[in-house]
Protein backbone atom coordinates (compact mmCIF):
# COMPACT_ATOMS: atom_id res chain seq x y z
CA MET A 1 0.00 0.00 0.00
CA SER A 2 1.20 3.52 -0.77
CA VAL A 3 1.19 6.20 1.91
CA SER A 4 1.17 9.95 1.44
CA ALA A 5 3.88 12.37 2.45
CA LYS A 6 1.31 14.04 4.71
CA GLN A 7 0.72 10.76 6.61
CA VAL A 8 4.45 10.23 7.01
CA LYS A 9 4.94 13.78 8.30
CA GLU A 10 2.08 13.43 10.80
CA LEU A 11 3.59 10.22 12.17
CA ARG A 12 7.05 11.74 12.36
CA ASP A 13 5.68 14.83 14.17
CA ALA A 14 3.91 12.57 16.66
CA THR A 15 6.78 10.17 17.33
CA GLY A 16 10.03 11.90 16.38
CA VAL A 17 11.07 8.80 14.40
CA GLY A 18 12.87 9.17 11.04
CA MET A 19 10.86 9.61 7.86
CA MET A 20 11.79 6.24 6.33
CA ASP A 21 10.94 4.34 9.50
CA CYS A 22 7.59 6.14 9.65
CA LYS A 23 6.88 5.30 6.03
CA GLU A 24 7.68 1.62 6.57
CA ALA A 25 5.53 1.49 9.72
CA LEU A 26 2.57 3.04 7.90
CA LYS A 27 2.92 0.53 5.06
CA GLU A 28 3.06 -2.33 7.54
CA ALA A 29 -0.02 -0.94 9.29
CA ASP A 30 -1.93 -0.44 6.01
CA GLY A 31 -2.10 3.26 6.73
CA ASP A 32 -3.55 2.89 10.25
CA PHE A 33 -1.96 5.69 12.30
CA ASP A 34 -2.40 4.12 15.75
CA GLU A 35 -1.13 0.76 14.55
CA ALA A 36 1.90 2.45 13.00
CA VAL A 37 2.65 4.13 16.35
CA SER A 38 2.41 0.72 18.03
CA ILE A 39 4.79 -0.79 15.46
CA LEU A 40 7.34 1.95 16.06
CA ARG A 41 7.10 1.46 19.83
CA LYS A 42 7.71 -2.28 19.44
CA LYS A 43 10.74 -1.55 17.29
CA GLY A 44 11.98 0.78 20.02
CA GLN A 45 11.62 -2.04 22.54
CA GLU A 46 13.58 -4.34 20.22
CA VAL A 47 16.40 -1.82 19.99
CA ALA A 48 16.36 -1.38 23.76
CA SER A 49 16.61 -5.15 24.20
CA ASP A 50 19.45 -5.39 21.67
CA ARG A 51 21.40 -2.63 23.44
CA ALA A 52 20.77 -3.88 27.00
CA ALA A 53 24.32 -5.20 27.46
CA ALA A 54 25.98 -2.07 26.05
CA GLU A 55 27.89 0.36 28.28
CA ALA A 56 26.10 3.66 28.79
CA ASP A 57 28.63 5.86 30.58
CA GLU A 58 28.13 9.14 28.73
CA GLY A 59 25.17 11.47 29.17
CA LEU A 60 24.05 14.49 31.14
CA VAL A 61 23.67 15.76 34.69
CA VAL A 62 20.60 18.00 34.90
CA THR A 63 18.96 20.02 37.67
CA ALA A 64 15.62 21.72 38.28
CA VAL A 65 14.59 24.04 41.13
CA SER A 66 11.13 25.25 42.13
CA GLY A 67 10.31 28.93 41.74
CA ASN A 68 10.56 29.63 45.47
CA GLY A 69 13.72 27.54 45.86
CA SER A 70 12.18 25.15 48.40
CA ILE A 71 12.79 22.04 46.26
CA GLY A 72 15.69 21.11 44.01
CA VAL A 73 16.27 18.06 41.83
CA ILE A 74 19.43 16.61 40.33
CA ALA A 75 19.50 13.64 37.96
CA GLU A 76 21.93 11.69 35.80
CA ILE A 77 20.70 10.40 32.44
CA ASN A 78 23.05 8.13 30.49
CA CYS A 79 23.70 7.21 26.87
CA GLU A 80 26.52 5.39 25.09
CA THR A 81 28.30 8.27 23.32
CA ASP A 82 29.01 11.94 23.83
CA PHE A 83 27.54 12.54 20.37
CA VAL A 84 24.10 11.44 21.60
CA ALA A 85 24.55 13.47 24.80
CA ARG A 86 24.55 16.54 22.53
CA ASN A 87 21.41 15.37 20.69
CA ASP A 88 18.50 17.81 21.09
CA ASP A 89 15.94 15.04 21.70
CA PHE A 90 18.11 13.43 24.38
CA GLN A 91 18.70 16.78 26.10
CA SER A 92 14.99 17.57 25.99
CA PHE A 93 14.19 14.17 27.51
CA ALA A 94 16.71 14.69 30.35
CA GLU A 95 15.35 18.15 31.15
CA THR A 96 11.75 16.88 31.10
CA VAL A 97 12.66 14.05 33.47
CA ALA A 98 14.12 16.57 35.93
CA GLU A 99 11.01 18.76 35.68
CA ARG A 100 8.68 15.79 36.27
CA VAL A 101 10.71 14.71 39.29
CA LEU A 102 10.47 18.27 40.62
CA GLU A 103 6.69 18.21 40.19
CA GLU A 104 6.06 14.73 41.63
CA THR A 105 9.07 13.99 43.93
CA PRO A 106 9.05 10.20 43.40
CA GLU A 107 10.63 7.92 45.98
CA ASP A 108 12.74 5.79 43.65
CA LEU A 109 13.59 5.06 40.00
CA ASP A 110 10.65 2.69 39.52
CA GLU A 111 8.21 5.37 40.63
CA LEU A 112 10.01 7.95 38.49
CA LYS A 113 9.72 5.78 35.36
CA SER A 114 6.00 5.32 35.94
CA LEU A 115 5.35 9.08 35.93
CA SER A 116 3.50 10.56 32.96
CA TYR A 117 5.84 11.98 30.33
CA ASP A 118 3.45 13.23 27.67
CA GLY A 119 -0.23 12.36 27.71
CA ASP A 120 -0.70 8.61 28.14
CA ALA A 121 3.00 7.80 27.70
CA THR A 122 5.10 7.29 30.81
CA ILE A 123 8.73 8.26 31.24
CA GLU A 124 9.59 4.58 30.74
CA ASP A 125 7.60 4.54 27.48
CA GLU A 126 9.45 7.59 26.21
CA LEU A 127 12.80 6.13 27.29
CA VAL A 128 12.14 3.01 25.21
CA ALA A 129 10.83 5.01 22.25
CA LEU A 130 13.81 7.37 22.35
CA THR A 131 16.15 4.37 22.50
CA GLY A 132 14.52 3.12 19.31
CA ARG A 133 14.83 6.47 17.58
CA ILE A 134 18.43 7.12 18.61
CA GLY A 135 19.71 3.55 18.45
CA GLU A 136 21.72 3.64 21.69
CA LYS A 137 21.18 2.32 25.17
CA LEU A 138 19.66 5.08 27.32
CA THR A 139 19.19 4.89 31.07
CA ILE A 140 18.09 7.01 34.00
CA ARG A 141 20.86 6.20 36.46
CA ARG A 142 20.00 8.17 39.60
CA PHE A 143 18.32 11.23 41.04
CA ASP A 144 18.06 13.13 44.30
CA VAL A 145 15.49 15.56 45.66
CA LEU A 146 16.47 18.21 48.21
CA GLU A 147 13.69 19.97 50.09
CA SER A 148 14.18 22.92 52.43
CA ALA A 149 11.56 24.14 54.88
CA ASP A 150 13.17 27.50 55.66
CA GLY A 151 16.17 27.77 53.35
CA ARG A 152 16.75 27.88 49.62
CA ILE A 153 18.06 25.28 47.18
CA ILE A 154 20.59 26.64 44.68
CA SER A 155 21.78 24.67 41.66
CA TYR A 156 24.85 24.80 39.45
CA VAL A 157 25.60 22.76 36.33
CA HIS A 158 29.11 23.02 34.95
CA PRO A 159 29.37 23.77 31.20
CA GLY A 160 29.04 20.52 29.29
CA SER A 161 26.49 19.15 31.79
CA LYS A 162 28.82 16.44 33.09
CA LEU A 163 28.85 17.83 36.62
CA GLY A 164 26.08 19.34 38.74
CA VAL A 165 25.53 20.48 42.32
CA LEU A 166 22.64 21.36 44.64
CA VAL A 167 23.25 23.26 47.89
CA GLU A 168 20.89 24.23 50.69
CA VAL A 169 21.52 27.79 51.85
CA HIS A 170 20.04 29.62 54.85
CA GLY A 171 20.07 33.28 55.82
CA ASP A 172 18.97 36.75 54.75
CA GLY A 173 21.99 37.78 52.68
CA GLU A 174 22.63 37.49 48.94
CA VAL A 175 21.48 33.88 48.80
CA GLU A 176 21.57 33.44 45.02
CA GLU A 177 25.07 34.84 44.50
CA ALA A 178 26.70 33.24 47.53
CA GLY A 179 24.82 29.99 47.00
CA ARG A 180 26.06 29.75 43.44
CA ASP A 181 29.60 30.50 44.61
CA VAL A 182 29.39 27.64 47.11
CA ALA A 183 27.90 25.30 44.49
CA MET A 184 30.80 26.12 42.16
CA GLN A 185 33.18 25.48 45.06
CA VAL A 186 31.64 22.04 45.60
CA ALA A 187 31.89 21.31 41.88
CA ALA A 188 35.54 22.34 41.68
CA LEU A 189 37.01 21.01 44.93
CA GLU A 190 34.74 18.02 45.67
CA PRO A 191 34.39 18.27 49.47
CA ILE A 192 33.17 15.17 51.27
CA ALA A 193 31.21 16.95 54.03
CA VAL A 194 30.00 20.40 55.08
CA THR A 195 31.73 20.28 58.49
CA ARG A 196 34.40 18.05 59.99
CA GLY A 197 31.83 16.62 62.36
CA GLU A 198 30.08 15.05 59.38
CA VAL A 199 33.19 13.23 58.17
CA PRO A 200 32.65 9.50 58.89
CA GLU A 201 34.85 8.05 61.65
CA GLU A 202 36.12 5.33 59.32
CA VAL A 203 37.44 8.01 56.96
CA LYS A 204 39.24 9.77 59.82
CA ASP A 205 40.68 6.47 61.03
CA GLU A 206 41.95 5.63 57.56
CA GLU A 207 43.62 9.04 57.20
CA ARG A 208 45.27 8.62 60.62
CA GLU A 209 46.50 5.15 59.69
CA VAL A 210 47.98 6.36 56.39
CA ALA A 211 49.67 9.31 58.10
CA ARG A 212 51.06 7.13 60.90
CA GLU A 213 52.45 4.56 58.47
CA ALA A 214 54.11 7.29 56.41
CA ALA A 215 55.69 8.82 59.52
CA VAL A 216 57.03 5.46 60.68
CA ASN A 217 58.42 4.69 57.23
CA GLU A 218 60.17 8.09 57.23
CA GLY A 219 61.87 7.18 60.52
CA LYS A 220 60.17 9.87 62.62
CA PRO A 221 60.71 9.57 66.39
CA GLU A 222 57.88 7.78 68.19
CA HIS A 223 57.18 10.69 70.53
CA VAL A 224 56.32 13.07 67.64
CA ILE A 225 54.30 10.68 65.49
CA ASP A 226 50.95 11.46 67.17
CA ASN A 227 51.42 15.18 66.55
CA ILE A 228 52.36 14.49 62.91
CA VAL A 229 49.24 12.34 62.45
CA GLU A 230 46.92 14.96 63.91
CA GLY A 231 48.58 17.67 61.84
CA LYS A 232 48.00 15.73 58.65
CA LEU A 233 44.39 15.12 59.68
CA GLU A 234 43.95 18.87 60.10
CA ARG A 235 45.25 19.41 56.56
CA PHE A 236 42.89 16.71 55.34
CA PHE A 237 39.97 18.66 56.83
CA GLU A 238 41.18 21.87 55.18
CA ASP A 239 41.26 20.12 51.81
CA HIS A 240 38.09 18.05 52.04
CA VAL A 241 35.61 19.79 54.38
CA LEU A 242 33.59 22.50 52.68
CA MET A 243 33.54 25.04 55.52
CA GLU A 244 37.31 24.75 56.00
CA GLN A 245 38.35 24.89 52.34
CA ALA A 246 39.94 28.06 51.00
CA PHE A 247 37.29 29.95 49.05
CA VAL A 248 38.00 29.51 45.32
CA LYS A 249 37.30 33.18 44.55
CA ASP A 250 39.46 34.49 47.40
CA SER A 251 41.92 32.01 48.90
CA SER A 252 42.69 34.38 51.78
CA VAL A 253 39.41 33.37 53.45
CA SER A 254 37.69 30.05 54.08
CA VAL A 255 34.24 29.21 52.76
CA LYS A 256 32.87 29.58 56.31
CA GLU A 257 34.40 33.04 56.65
CA MET A 258 32.91 34.08 53.31
CA LEU A 259 29.47 32.82 54.36
CA ASP A 260 29.70 34.44 57.81
CA GLU A 261 30.47 37.76 56.14
CA ALA A 262 27.42 37.30 53.89
CA GLY A 263 25.18 36.33 56.83
CA LEU A 264 24.53 32.89 55.38
CA SER A 265 25.07 29.23 56.17
CA VAL A 266 25.07 25.99 54.14
CA THR A 267 23.59 22.86 55.66
CA ARG A 268 24.08 20.25 52.92
CA PHE A 269 24.95 19.65 49.29
CA THR A 270 24.64 17.00 46.62
CA ARG A 271 27.27 16.67 43.89
CA TYR A 272 26.85 14.51 40.78
CA ALA A 273 29.77 13.89 38.43
CA LEU A 274 28.89 11.83 35.37
CA GLY A 275 29.75 8.19 35.98
CA ASP A 276 30.61 8.50 39.70
């Protein structure tokens, strides 16, 4: 059966699938639009099945924040190649996923995938369909939702969308500017905690053990080793605890000193680097 260019265009507009695939689906469906859509979805599922074992370690980190800043979302969406990560359809999908998570705050990935994407289609449906259209394995790897009752969530995504941060900021100062500065600090220097009290004991113990072993191997006298160990732990805190790090925009002050001057405080952050 022959199909018209108008039919092919309508199917392409509705599904985003290439013109030739739309034409073939319409022929197979004897011109039935709904059946052609179903055929294309099945083909998308076949592609998804074929690509299931492939490595998907490229992609995007995306964020979304509510208008009043009370809720922020960060998500990692993966594909196989950086070329697809720059694809407009893939980027639109990732941004829509973040927006839907912001609206619905699902508990886990299964609940996220069951959310409506567009009309009757779920996010999982669109993920499969997009896999079919693009021809690569696509996955939603992880997401986090930060909610603040009396603070503000600030987001930062590094150019290239391979790295993103959410921070929770409190206070009456310039929240947006200082919050973004702190988010960029977290992106650049990768702290492991806001304060030293939040650093897990096992991490502290490991740092002490490494420092002690190094001091012994260097032949340091036994009576000074404890002081050396604690000194190295202090430097570890300065390098890895957000409030104690030197502020990236002015290394003469710490992040805490910068925030104190601005009348602000940071209570938590979430940092996503692609593939972590």
